[in-house]
């Protein structure tokens, strides 16, 4: 289990603090949960890729597979410097 803190970057530029818990950390692939209060967010914003920045500066691009008012279940990959 890979855990840490980071920021969800919304399309309007807002950054929301979160705690992440990834069940897999294989190469550049990630899947797991982002824990944050999503009650004030429009669920339509989950229909496209989202960005997260880990506390160590690692950028992760992901899609939401499931959500609630307390978490987002996600699958994605680390964004390489060449991308």
N, C-alpha and C. Protein backbone atom coordinates (compact mmCIF):
# COMPACT_ATOMS: atom_id res chain seq x y z
N UNK A 1 0.84 -1.16 0.00
CA UNK A 1 0.00 0.00 0.00
C UNK A 1 0.89 1.23 0.00
N UNK A 2 0.62 2.14 -0.90
CA UNK A 2 1.38 3.39 -1.02
C UNK A 2 0.45 4.53 -0.61
N UNK A 3 0.81 5.25 0.45
CA UNK A 3 -0.04 6.34 0.94
C UNK A 3 0.74 7.64 1.00
N UNK A 4 0.01 8.74 1.03
CA UNK A 4 0.64 10.04 1.12
C UNK A 4 -0.37 11.16 1.01
N UNK A 5 0.14 12.35 0.85
CA UNK A 5 -0.69 13.55 0.71
C UNK A 5 -0.43 14.18 -0.65
N UNK A 6 -1.41 14.95 -1.10
CA UNK A 6 -1.26 15.62 -2.38
C UNK A 6 -2.36 16.64 -2.59
N UNK A 7 -2.48 17.11 -3.82
CA UNK A 7 -3.49 18.09 -4.20
C UNK A 7 -4.17 17.66 -5.48
N UNK A 8 -5.49 17.71 -5.48
CA UNK A 8 -6.28 17.50 -6.68
C UNK A 8 -6.34 18.85 -7.39
N UNK A 9 -6.03 18.87 -8.68
CA UNK A 9 -6.05 20.11 -9.44
C UNK A 9 -7.29 20.10 -10.32
N UNK A 10 -8.22 21.00 -10.01
CA UNK A 10 -9.46 21.09 -10.77
C UNK A 10 -9.25 21.90 -12.04
N UNK A 11 -10.16 21.77 -12.99
CA UNK A 11 -10.02 22.47 -14.27
C UNK A 11 -10.00 23.99 -14.12
N UNK A 12 -10.66 24.49 -13.07
CA UNK A 12 -10.68 25.95 -12.86
C UNK A 12 -9.43 26.44 -12.12
N UNK A 13 -8.49 25.53 -11.85
CA UNK A 13 -7.24 25.90 -11.21
C UNK A 13 -7.20 25.72 -9.71
N UNK A 14 -8.35 25.47 -9.09
CA UNK A 14 -8.36 25.25 -7.65
C UNK A 14 -7.59 23.98 -7.30
N UNK A 15 -6.97 24.01 -6.13
CA UNK A 15 -6.25 22.85 -5.61
C UNK A 15 -6.91 22.43 -4.30
N UNK A 16 -7.27 21.15 -4.22
CA UNK A 16 -7.90 20.62 -3.03
C UNK A 16 -6.96 19.61 -2.37
N UNK A 17 -6.67 19.83 -1.10
CA UNK A 17 -5.79 18.91 -0.38
C UNK A 17 -6.48 17.57 -0.21
N UNK A 18 -5.69 16.51 -0.25
CA UNK A 18 -6.23 15.16 -0.12
C UNK A 18 -5.19 14.23 0.48
N UNK A 19 -5.66 13.08 0.88
CA UNK A 19 -4.82 11.96 1.29
C UNK A 19 -5.08 10.86 0.28
N UNK A 20 -4.01 10.25 -0.26
CA UNK A 20 -4.22 9.17 -1.23
C UNK A 20 -3.76 7.84 -0.65
N UNK A 21 -4.35 6.80 -1.20
CA UNK A 21 -3.98 5.43 -0.83
C UNK A 21 -4.06 4.60 -2.10
N UNK A 22 -2.90 4.25 -2.64
CA UNK A 22 -2.85 3.47 -3.86
C UNK A 22 -2.59 2.02 -3.51
N UNK A 23 -3.41 1.13 -4.04
CA UNK A 23 -3.24 -0.30 -3.81
C UNK A 23 -2.18 -0.89 -4.71
N UNK A 24 -1.90 -0.21 -5.81
CA UNK A 24 -0.85 -0.71 -6.71
C UNK A 24 0.09 0.43 -7.02
N UNK A 25 1.36 0.09 -7.14
CA UNK A 25 2.39 1.04 -7.53
C UNK A 25 3.34 0.29 -8.44
N UNK A 26 2.82 -0.12 -9.59
CA UNK A 26 3.58 -0.93 -10.53
C UNK A 26 4.03 -0.04 -11.67
N UNK A 27 5.34 0.11 -11.83
CA UNK A 27 5.90 1.03 -12.81
C UNK A 27 5.25 2.39 -12.64
N UNK A 28 4.61 2.90 -13.71
CA UNK A 28 3.99 4.22 -13.61
C UNK A 28 2.48 4.15 -13.40
N UNK A 29 1.93 2.95 -13.21
CA UNK A 29 0.49 2.78 -13.02
C UNK A 29 0.10 2.97 -11.56
N UNK A 30 -1.06 3.59 -11.33
CA UNK A 30 -1.58 3.79 -9.98
C UNK A 30 -3.07 3.49 -9.97
N UNK A 31 -3.55 2.86 -8.89
CA UNK A 31 -4.98 2.70 -8.67
C UNK A 31 -5.23 2.71 -7.18
N UNK A 32 -6.33 3.31 -6.79
CA UNK A 32 -6.64 3.38 -5.37
C UNK A 32 -7.66 4.46 -5.09
N UNK A 33 -7.45 5.17 -3.98
CA UNK A 33 -8.43 6.13 -3.49
C UNK A 33 -7.79 7.48 -3.17
N UNK A 34 -8.55 8.53 -3.46
CA UNK A 34 -8.21 9.89 -3.04
C UNK A 34 -9.26 10.27 -2.01
N UNK A 35 -8.82 10.54 -0.79
CA UNK A 35 -9.74 10.88 0.28
C UNK A 35 -9.80 12.39 0.46
N UNK A 36 -10.97 12.96 0.21
CA UNK A 36 -11.22 14.38 0.36
C UNK A 36 -12.72 14.60 0.37
N UNK A 37 -13.15 15.77 0.82
CA UNK A 37 -14.58 16.10 0.84
C UNK A 37 -14.99 16.53 -0.57
N UNK A 38 -15.77 15.69 -1.22
CA UNK A 38 -16.22 15.98 -2.59
C UNK A 38 -17.66 16.46 -2.65
N UNK A 39 -18.29 16.68 -1.48
CA UNK A 39 -19.71 17.04 -1.45
C UNK A 39 -19.99 18.33 -2.23
N UNK A 40 -19.06 19.27 -2.26
CA UNK A 40 -19.26 20.54 -2.95
C UNK A 40 -18.85 20.54 -4.41
N UNK A 41 -18.41 19.41 -4.93
CA UNK A 41 -17.96 19.34 -6.32
C UNK A 41 -19.05 18.79 -7.22
N UNK A 42 -19.11 19.28 -8.43
CA UNK A 42 -20.06 18.78 -9.43
C UNK A 42 -19.56 17.43 -9.95
N UNK A 43 -20.33 16.36 -9.80
CA UNK A 43 -19.89 15.04 -10.29
C UNK A 43 -19.60 15.02 -11.79
N UNK A 44 -20.14 15.95 -12.54
CA UNK A 44 -19.85 16.01 -13.98
C UNK A 44 -18.36 16.30 -14.23
N UNK A 45 -17.70 16.89 -13.26
CA UNK A 45 -16.28 17.19 -13.44
C UNK A 45 -15.41 15.94 -13.42
N UNK A 46 -15.98 14.79 -13.04
CA UNK A 46 -15.23 13.54 -13.01
C UNK A 46 -15.27 12.81 -14.35
N UNK A 47 -15.91 13.39 -15.35
CA UNK A 47 -16.09 12.72 -16.63
C UNK A 47 -14.89 12.75 -17.55
N UNK A 48 -13.83 13.39 -17.15
CA UNK A 48 -12.63 13.51 -17.96
C UNK A 48 -11.43 13.29 -17.05
N UNK A 49 -10.25 13.21 -17.64
CA UNK A 49 -9.05 13.01 -16.82
C UNK A 49 -8.84 14.17 -15.87
N UNK A 50 -8.35 13.84 -14.69
CA UNK A 50 -8.01 14.82 -13.68
C UNK A 50 -6.53 14.71 -13.35
N UNK A 51 -6.00 15.73 -12.71
CA UNK A 51 -4.59 15.75 -12.33
C UNK A 51 -4.47 15.83 -10.82
N UNK A 52 -3.43 15.20 -10.32
CA UNK A 52 -3.09 15.27 -8.91
C UNK A 52 -1.59 15.47 -8.82
N UNK A 53 -1.17 16.22 -7.83
CA UNK A 53 0.26 16.37 -7.55
C UNK A 53 0.52 15.82 -6.15
N UNK A 54 1.42 14.85 -6.07
CA UNK A 54 1.78 14.27 -4.77
C UNK A 54 2.65 15.26 -4.00
N UNK A 55 2.76 15.07 -2.71
CA UNK A 55 3.54 15.98 -1.87
C UNK A 55 5.01 16.05 -2.29
N UNK A 56 5.51 15.01 -2.96
CA UNK A 56 6.90 15.04 -3.43
C UNK A 56 7.03 15.66 -4.82
N UNK A 57 5.90 16.17 -5.37
CA UNK A 57 5.92 16.83 -6.68
C UNK A 57 5.58 15.92 -7.85
N UNK A 58 5.37 14.64 -7.61
CA UNK A 58 5.05 13.70 -8.68
C UNK A 58 3.65 13.98 -9.22
N UNK A 59 3.52 14.24 -10.53
CA UNK A 59 2.20 14.45 -11.12
C UNK A 59 1.58 13.13 -11.55
N UNK A 60 0.28 12.97 -11.28
CA UNK A 60 -0.45 11.77 -11.65
C UNK A 60 -1.71 12.19 -12.40
N UNK A 61 -1.95 11.57 -13.54
CA UNK A 61 -3.16 11.79 -14.32
C UNK A 61 -4.04 10.57 -14.13
N UNK A 62 -5.34 10.77 -13.90
CA UNK A 62 -6.19 9.62 -13.62
C UNK A 62 -7.62 9.86 -14.07
N UNK A 63 -8.38 8.78 -14.08
CA UNK A 63 -9.83 8.83 -14.30
C UNK A 63 -10.50 8.30 -13.04
N UNK A 64 -11.69 8.80 -12.78
CA UNK A 64 -12.46 8.39 -11.61
C UNK A 64 -13.32 7.20 -12.00
N UNK A 65 -13.24 6.13 -11.23
CA UNK A 65 -14.05 4.95 -11.50
C UNK A 65 -15.26 4.84 -10.58
N UNK A 66 -15.21 5.51 -9.43
CA UNK A 66 -16.31 5.52 -8.48
C UNK A 66 -16.10 6.70 -7.54
N UNK A 67 -17.19 7.26 -7.00
CA UNK A 67 -17.02 8.37 -6.06
C UNK A 67 -18.11 8.38 -5.01
N UNK A 68 -17.82 9.07 -3.93
CA UNK A 68 -18.79 9.34 -2.87
C UNK A 68 -18.47 10.74 -2.35
N UNK A 69 -19.14 11.17 -1.27
CA UNK A 69 -18.85 12.48 -0.69
C UNK A 69 -17.53 12.52 0.06
N UNK A 70 -16.89 11.35 0.25
CA UNK A 70 -15.65 11.29 1.03
C UNK A 70 -14.43 10.84 0.25
N UNK A 71 -14.62 10.28 -0.94
CA UNK A 71 -13.46 9.76 -1.67
C UNK A 71 -13.76 9.67 -3.17
N UNK A 72 -12.67 9.53 -3.93
CA UNK A 72 -12.73 9.20 -5.36
C UNK A 72 -11.92 7.93 -5.55
N UNK A 73 -12.50 6.92 -6.18
CA UNK A 73 -11.74 5.73 -6.57
C UNK A 73 -11.16 6.04 -7.95
N UNK A 74 -9.86 5.82 -8.13
CA UNK A 74 -9.19 6.26 -9.36
C UNK A 74 -8.28 5.20 -9.93
N UNK A 75 -7.98 5.35 -11.21
CA UNK A 75 -6.98 4.55 -11.92
C UNK A 75 -6.24 5.50 -12.84
N UNK A 76 -4.93 5.40 -12.88
CA UNK A 76 -4.18 6.31 -13.73
C UNK A 76 -2.71 5.98 -13.79
N UNK A 77 -1.95 7.00 -14.16
CA UNK A 77 -0.51 6.78 -14.28
C UNK A 77 0.26 8.06 -13.99
N UNK A 78 1.51 7.89 -13.60
CA UNK A 78 2.41 9.01 -13.36
C UNK A 78 2.69 9.67 -14.70
N UNK A 79 2.65 10.99 -14.70
CA UNK A 79 2.92 11.75 -15.92
C UNK A 79 4.42 11.92 -16.04
N UNK A 80 4.99 11.41 -17.12
CA UNK A 80 6.44 11.49 -17.30
C UNK A 80 6.83 12.88 -17.77
N UNK A 81 8.09 13.24 -17.56
CA UNK A 81 8.60 14.54 -17.97
C UNK A 81 8.57 14.70 -19.48
N UNK A 82 8.63 13.60 -20.23
CA UNK A 82 8.66 13.66 -21.69
C UNK A 82 7.26 13.87 -22.27
N UNK A 83 6.21 13.66 -21.45
CA UNK A 83 4.84 13.77 -21.96
C UNK A 83 4.37 15.19 -22.09
